[in-house]
């Protein structure tokens, strides 16, 4: 059967799994409307700018009848221990998906090859591939296809593989047989809600992006609100806490894709060293990486916050002082905050 052949081709291309679903997202459309009305998307205006194209695949790609969903594991098997790293305030924490090559660059060409192979075998008239690159409801589609269920943290969870994986989709006009949706297996567990540093999971299955560290350190372009700077700790790009403490991730599978291996020691980097990178060094070390998204100024902003939460040793203070008059006001303001944190601690030790 064609679905079985598709799964075989997908595995040959490095994908861990493949499933197929239809295009009815009526429930997800209502959920999205409520989420947007609550303002939980923050400054991510693109979440509301495409009308119903996001929840009606046939409007985005006319003729779409099915969505082929794939996943690819990214957990670094030999990376630095993530939980210990969060406790080491002198080092920076980077979300595990961003330690290697940008997943868009890894997955999209392979997904295109899969679509081309499908088209050659069936003479399909229309298809389009997506990897977090257009108004696509990738998690609801993947859940509907049976690749997993959306947990209380809203990430997709697979019973046999946890949640450390990335998603991609092929919209096709082929009337392929669909797979059954996945059942929710979160039960009464509250691990992700209780561990979130900024209480961004405001209710079960409800995430306020404005409070999420991933949003604050990646999508937020301006200053990070002061109330969230201490809870950010040493997280300089994204946050994995809700996944690190999810019991289903005891079944997580390490990445088999070499491009996802950590680069430049970024699985446990020294904060002072990162903060002293000039723009040329930053550009070189982050080439082909998702770490480019917040820009150099955003990188320094995030690292300044982490240094403000680091121990008040001479190296930390000296590094911050080098950028106290930075020409970028965004950087300068966060460095000022960080230095003020250390000054406050110093005064508290005197009295």
Protein backbone atom coordinates (compact mmCIF):
# COMPACT_ATOMS: atom_id res chain seq x y z
CA UNK A 1 0.00 0.00 0.00
CA UNK A 2 1.07 3.57 -0.67
CA UNK A 3 1.07 4.72 3.01
CA UNK A 4 3.45 1.88 3.90
CA UNK A 5 5.75 2.85 1.05
CA UNK A 6 5.59 6.47 2.19
CA UNK A 7 6.70 5.47 5.68
CA UNK A 8 9.56 3.47 4.26
CA UNK A 9 10.69 6.38 2.08
CA UNK A 10 10.39 8.73 5.06
CA UNK A 11 12.63 6.51 7.20
CA UNK A 12 15.19 6.39 4.39
CA UNK A 13 15.26 10.19 4.46
CA UNK A 14 15.84 10.31 8.21
CA UNK A 15 12.32 10.88 9.50
CA UNK A 16 11.28 8.91 12.57
CA UNK A 17 7.63 8.54 11.65
CA UNK A 18 4.94 9.52 9.15
CA UNK A 19 1.15 9.68 9.36
CA UNK A 20 -1.69 11.06 7.26
CA UNK A 21 -4.72 13.15 8.17
CA UNK A 22 -7.61 15.04 6.63
CA UNK A 23 -8.07 18.80 6.57
CA UNK A 24 -10.95 19.40 9.00
CA UNK A 25 -9.57 21.65 11.75
CA UNK A 26 -12.82 23.17 13.01
CA UNK A 27 -12.05 22.51 16.69
CA UNK A 28 -8.53 23.89 16.32
CA UNK A 29 -9.91 26.97 14.59
CA UNK A 30 -12.12 27.73 17.60
CA UNK A 31 -9.21 27.18 19.98
CA UNK A 32 -6.98 29.47 17.95
CA UNK A 33 -9.60 32.22 17.84
CA UNK A 34 -9.91 32.08 21.64
CA UNK A 35 -6.14 32.13 22.08
CA UNK A 36 -5.77 35.16 19.82
CA UNK A 37 -8.67 36.98 21.47
CA UNK A 38 -6.94 36.51 24.83
CA UNK A 39 -3.83 38.17 23.37
CA UNK A 40 -1.66 35.18 24.23
CA UNK A 41 0.28 35.55 20.96
CA UNK A 42 1.91 38.79 22.15
CA UNK A 43 3.79 40.54 19.37
CA UNK A 44 3.57 37.57 16.99
CA UNK A 45 1.14 39.33 14.71
CA UNK A 46 1.60 36.76 11.96
CA UNK A 47 -0.44 34.32 14.05
CA UNK A 48 -3.52 36.40 13.23
CA UNK A 49 -2.58 37.86 9.86
CA UNK A 50 -3.59 35.03 7.53
CA UNK A 51 -7.27 34.79 8.35
CA UNK A 52 -8.54 31.22 8.11
CA UNK A 53 -5.70 29.99 5.88
CA UNK A 54 -3.99 28.62 8.99
CA UNK A 55 -6.90 26.40 9.95
CA UNK A 56 -8.26 25.64 6.48
CA UNK A 57 -5.48 23.98 4.46
CA UNK A 58 -7.47 24.12 1.23
CA UNK A 59 -7.44 27.94 1.45
CA UNK A 60 -3.66 28.06 1.79
CA UNK A 61 -3.08 25.49 -0.95
CA UNK A 62 -6.16 25.08 -3.16
CA UNK A 63 -7.00 21.48 -3.92
CA UNK A 64 -5.48 20.09 -0.70
CA UNK A 65 -7.27 16.95 0.44
CA UNK A 66 -4.77 15.36 2.80
CA UNK A 67 -1.83 16.37 4.99
CA UNK A 68 1.16 14.05 5.34
CA UNK A 69 2.84 14.69 8.69
CA UNK A 70 6.39 13.64 9.61
CA UNK A 71 8.56 13.96 12.68
CA UNK A 72 12.33 13.96 13.21
CA UNK A 73 14.07 13.38 16.56
CA UNK A 74 16.55 16.01 17.76
CA UNK A 75 17.55 15.10 21.34
CA UNK A 76 21.39 15.20 21.52
CA UNK A 77 22.52 11.82 22.81
CA UNK A 78 25.94 12.92 24.01
CA UNK A 79 25.20 16.54 24.93
CA UNK A 80 25.86 18.05 28.36
CA UNK A 81 23.34 17.04 31.03
CA UNK A 82 20.52 19.56 30.61
CA UNK A 83 19.23 19.48 34.19
CA UNK A 84 22.68 20.05 35.67
CA UNK A 85 23.30 22.84 33.20
CA UNK A 86 20.24 24.74 34.43
CA UNK A 87 21.79 24.67 37.90
CA UNK A 88 25.14 26.08 36.71
CA UNK A 89 24.58 29.85 36.64
CA UNK A 90 27.96 30.49 35.00
CA UNK A 91 26.90 28.66 31.86
CA UNK A 92 24.19 29.43 29.35
CA UNK A 93 21.28 27.16 28.48
CA UNK A 94 20.23 26.89 24.83
CA UNK A 95 17.11 24.98 23.82
CA UNK A 96 18.24 21.56 22.67
CA UNK A 97 16.68 21.88 19.20
CA UNK A 98 18.99 24.82 18.42
CA UNK A 99 22.35 23.26 19.27
CA UNK A 100 23.11 22.08 15.75
CA UNK A 101 22.11 23.06 12.24
CA UNK A 102 18.86 24.95 11.70
CA UNK A 103 16.15 22.29 11.45
CA UNK A 104 14.45 24.14 8.59
CA UNK A 105 17.56 23.57 6.48
CA UNK A 106 17.76 19.92 7.48
CA UNK A 107 14.14 18.89 7.11
CA UNK A 108 12.76 20.93 4.23
CA UNK A 109 15.00 19.51 1.44
CA UNK A 110 14.26 15.97 2.59
CA UNK A 111 10.55 16.61 2.83
CA UNK A 112 10.67 17.96 -0.71
CA UNK A 113 12.42 14.77 -1.85
CA UNK A 114 9.69 12.73 -0.19
CA UNK A 115 6.99 14.77 -1.96
CA UNK A 116 8.76 14.42 -5.29
CA UNK A 117 9.01 10.67 -4.82
CA UNK A 118 5.30 10.52 -4.01
CA UNK A 119 4.45 12.60 -7.07
CA UNK A 120 6.57 10.40 -9.32
CA UNK A 121 4.87 7.26 -8.02
CA UNK A 122 1.32 8.59 -8.27
CA UNK A 123 1.46 11.48 -10.72
CA UNK A 124 0.02 13.70 -8.01
CA UNK A 125 -1.07 17.00 -9.46
CA UNK A 126 -0.37 19.27 -6.51
CA UNK A 127 1.68 19.34 -3.34
CA UNK A 128 3.57 21.77 -1.10
CA UNK A 129 5.93 21.16 1.80
CA UNK A 130 6.14 23.05 5.09
CA UNK A 131 8.58 23.07 8.00
CA UNK A 132 7.40 25.75 10.42
CA UNK A 133 7.44 28.12 7.45
CA UNK A 134 3.84 29.19 6.73
CA UNK A 135 0.43 29.47 8.42
CA UNK A 136 0.12 25.77 9.20
CA UNK A 137 -1.38 24.22 12.35
CA UNK A 138 1.39 21.66 12.56
CA UNK A 139 0.73 20.32 16.05
CA UNK A 140 -3.04 19.87 15.70
CA UNK A 141 -2.50 18.25 12.30
CA UNK A 142 0.15 15.89 13.68
CA UNK A 143 -2.12 15.00 16.62
CA UNK A 144 -5.01 14.38 14.24
CA UNK A 145 -2.73 12.16 12.16
CA UNK A 146 -1.77 10.13 15.23
CA UNK A 147 1.87 11.17 15.63
CA UNK A 148 1.11 12.11 19.23
CA UNK A 149 -1.18 14.22 21.37
CA UNK A 150 -0.78 17.84 22.44
CA UNK A 151 0.20 17.73 26.08
CA UNK A 152 -0.78 20.21 28.76
CA UNK A 153 2.27 22.28 27.73
CA UNK A 154 0.85 22.25 24.14
CA UNK A 155 3.86 20.37 22.71
CA UNK A 156 3.24 17.10 20.90
CA UNK A 157 3.96 13.92 22.89
CA UNK A 158 4.40 10.45 21.44
CA UNK A 159 3.93 7.43 23.73
CA UNK A 160 6.98 5.68 22.29
CA UNK A 161 9.23 8.68 21.69
CA UNK A 162 8.43 11.49 24.14
CA UNK A 163 8.42 15.01 22.73
CA UNK A 164 11.97 15.79 21.57
CA UNK A 165 11.11 15.92 17.89
CA UNK A 166 10.34 18.40 15.11
CA UNK A 167 7.46 18.38 12.64
CA UNK A 168 6.98 18.84 8.92
CA UNK A 169 4.04 18.58 6.54
CA UNK A 170 3.16 17.88 2.90
CA UNK A 171 -0.14 19.25 1.64
CA UNK A 172 -1.35 17.03 -1.19
CA UNK A 173 -4.37 16.66 -3.44
CA UNK A 174 -4.19 12.85 -3.23
CA UNK A 175 -7.13 11.15 -1.44
CA UNK A 176 -4.85 9.02 0.74
CA UNK A 177 -6.27 6.88 3.57
CA UNK A 178 -6.05 8.70 6.90
CA UNK A 179 -4.61 7.45 10.19
CA UNK A 180 -6.54 7.51 13.49
CA UNK A 181 -5.82 10.41 15.88
CA UNK A 182 -3.76 9.90 19.02
CA UNK A 183 -5.38 9.70 22.46
CA UNK A 184 -4.39 12.03 25.28
CA UNK A 185 -2.29 10.28 27.93
CA UNK A 186 -1.38 13.18 30.23
CA UNK A 187 -3.85 12.02 32.86
CA UNK A 188 -3.60 13.93 36.14
CA UNK A 189 0.07 14.84 35.66
CA UNK A 190 0.97 18.50 36.32
CA UNK A 191 4.73 18.34 35.91
CA UNK A 192 4.93 20.86 33.07
CA UNK A 193 2.56 23.34 34.73
CA UNK A 194 4.37 23.21 38.06
CA UNK A 195 7.92 23.50 36.69
CA UNK A 196 7.45 26.40 34.23
CA UNK A 197 9.73 29.21 35.51
CA UNK A 198 7.37 32.00 34.42
CA UNK A 199 4.04 30.18 34.87
CA UNK A 200 3.46 30.54 31.13
CA UNK A 201 1.20 27.45 31.07
CA UNK A 202 -1.70 29.39 32.56
CA UNK A 203 -4.07 26.40 32.45
CA UNK A 204 -3.99 22.87 31.15
CA UNK A 205 -3.40 22.97 27.38
CA UNK A 206 -3.23 26.79 27.51
CA UNK A 207 0.03 28.68 26.93
CA UNK A 208 0.43 32.44 27.30
CA UNK A 209 3.34 33.07 24.93
CA UNK A 210 3.95 36.51 26.45
CA UNK A 211 5.25 34.82 29.59
CA UNK A 212 7.09 31.97 27.86
CA UNK A 213 10.90 32.14 27.97
CA UNK A 214 11.11 30.84 24.42
CA UNK A 215 9.03 33.81 23.27
CA UNK A 216 10.88 36.30 25.49
CA UNK A 217 14.35 35.25 24.31
CA UNK A 218 13.60 34.55 20.65
CA UNK A 219 10.47 36.27 19.35
CA UNK A 220 10.40 39.35 21.58
CA UNK A 221 12.26 42.12 19.79
CA UNK A 222 12.26 44.80 22.47
CA UNK A 223 13.22 44.78 26.16
CA UNK A 224 12.40 41.72 28.23
CA UNK A 225 9.92 42.79 30.94
CA UNK A 226 11.79 43.10 34.24
CA UNK A 227 9.42 40.79 36.08
CA UNK A 228 10.62 37.85 33.95
CA UNK A 229 14.36 38.50 34.00
CA UNK A 230 15.17 36.67 37.23
CA UNK A 231 12.98 33.65 36.38
CA UNK A 232 14.82 33.36 33.06
CA UNK A 233 17.93 32.30 34.99
CA UNK A 234 20.66 31.18 32.58
CA UNK A 235 18.35 30.42 29.64
CA UNK A 236 19.70 32.50 26.76
CA UNK A 237 17.80 30.96 23.83
CA UNK A 238 14.53 29.21 24.45
CA UNK A 239 13.51 26.96 27.31
CA UNK A 240 12.99 23.21 27.65
CA UNK A 241 11.80 22.88 31.24
CA UNK A 242 8.32 21.62 30.38
CA UNK A 243 9.88 18.84 28.30
CA UNK A 244 12.78 18.07 30.64
CA UNK A 245 10.36 17.25 33.44
CA UNK A 246 7.73 15.46 31.34
CA UNK A 247 7.67 11.79 32.41
CA UNK A 248 6.96 10.66 28.85
CA UNK A 249 10.44 11.75 27.82
CA UNK A 250 11.92 8.71 29.50
CA UNK A 251 11.02 7.15 26.14
CA UNK A 252 12.73 9.89 24.11
CA UNK A 253 14.96 8.71 21.31
CA UNK A 254 18.27 10.41 20.55
CA UNK A 255 18.75 12.12 17.22
CA UNK A 256 20.22 10.04 14.44
CA UNK A 257 20.75 13.12 12.27
CA UNK A 258 24.39 14.25 12.43
CA UNK A 259 23.44 17.86 11.67
CA UNK A 260 21.66 18.05 15.03
CA UNK A 261 24.83 17.36 17.02
CA UNK A 262 25.88 20.30 19.24
CA UNK A 263 28.30 22.78 17.64
CA UNK A 264 31.03 24.95 19.16
CA UNK A 265 30.43 23.62 22.69
CA UNK A 266 27.04 25.35 22.79
CA UNK A 267 25.48 22.53 24.81
CA UNK A 268 27.21 24.00 27.90
CA UNK A 269 28.75 27.39 26.95
CA UNK A 270 30.50 29.81 29.28
CA UNK A 271 28.35 32.93 29.62
CA UNK A 272 31.25 35.36 29.86
CA UNK A 273 32.80 33.95 26.70
CA UNK A 274 29.52 34.24 24.81
CA UNK A 275 28.99 37.81 25.95
CA UNK A 276 32.41 38.85 24.73
CA UNK A 277 31.85 37.55 21.20
CA UNK A 278 31.98 40.41 18.73
CA UNK A 279 29.45 40.44 15.92
CA UNK A 280 31.80 38.76 13.45
CA UNK A 281 32.43 35.90 15.88
CA UNK A 282 28.73 35.57 16.63
CA UNK A 283 27.93 35.48 12.91
CA UNK A 284 30.57 32.79 12.33
CA UNK A 285 29.56 30.60 15.29
CA UNK A 286 25.84 30.78 14.52
CA UNK A 287 26.06 30.32 10.75
CA UNK A 288 23.35 27.95 9.54
CA UNK A 289 21.81 27.88 13.01
CA UNK A 290 18.45 28.83 14.49
CA UNK A 291 20.40 30.99 16.95
CA UNK A 292 20.40 33.75 14.32
CA UNK A 293 16.70 34.48 14.88
CA UNK A 294 16.90 37.12 17.68
CA UNK A 295 19.83 38.87 15.99
CA UNK A 296 23.12 39.92 17.57
CA UNK A 297 21.46 42.55 19.76
CA UNK A 298 18.93 40.02 21.03
CA UNK A 299 21.75 37.56 21.75
CA UNK A 300 23.57 40.14 23.88
CA UNK A 301 20.33 41.16 25.58
CA UNK A 302 19.61 37.57 26.59
CA UNK A 303 23.16 36.90 27.72
CA UNK A 304 23.21 40.10 29.77
CA UNK A 305 20.13 38.92 31.65
CA UNK A 306 21.78 35.55 32.34
CA UNK A 307 24.92 37.32 33.57
CA UNK A 308 22.74 39.43 35.86
CA UNK A 309 21.55 36.14 37.38
CA UNK A 310 25.09 34.69 37.57
CA UNK A 311 27.39 34.78 40.61
CA UNK A 312 29.03 38.17 41.26
CA UNK A 313 32.58 37.15 40.41
CA UNK A 314 35.16 39.50 38.84
CA UNK A 315 34.95 37.94 35.37
CA UNK A 316 31.18 38.41 35.22
CA UNK A 317 31.35 42.02 36.39
CA UNK A 318 34.21 42.84 34.02
CA UNK A 319 32.37 41.35 31.05
CA UNK A 320 29.25 43.36 31.80
CA UNK A 321 31.30 46.53 32.23
CA UNK A 322 32.69 46.19 28.70
CA UNK A 323 29.21 46.76 27.29
CA UNK A 324 27.84 49.27 29.81
CA UNK A 325 28.08 51.95 27.10
CA UNK A 326 27.09 49.72 24.19
CA UNK A 327 25.76 51.71 21.21
CA UNK A 328 22.66 49.51 21.10
CA UNK A 329 20.19 50.89 23.67
CA UNK A 330 18.56 47.47 24.03
CA UNK A 331 21.87 45.93 25.10
CA UNK A 332 22.82 48.91 27.24
CA UNK A 333 19.55 48.78 29.22
CA UNK A 334 19.85 45.07 30.00
CA UNK A 335 23.51 45.42 30.98
CA UNK A 336 22.49 48.23 33.33
CA UNK A 337 19.89 45.96 34.89
CA UNK A 338 22.42 43.14 35.28
CA UNK A 339 24.99 45.40 36.96
CA UNK A 340 22.27 46.71 39.28
CA UNK A 341 21.48 43.13 40.35
CA UNK A 342 25.08 42.56 41.34
CA UNK A 343 25.28 45.90 43.14
CA UNK A 344 22.14 45.05 45.08
CA UNK A 345 23.57 41.70 46.14
CA UNK A 346 26.80 43.36 47.20
CA UNK A 347 24.90 45.82 49.40
CA UNK A 348 22.84 43.03 50.95
CA UNK A 349 26.06 41.29 52.01
CA UNK A 350 27.24 44.43 53.80
CA UNK A 351 24.13 44.88 55.92
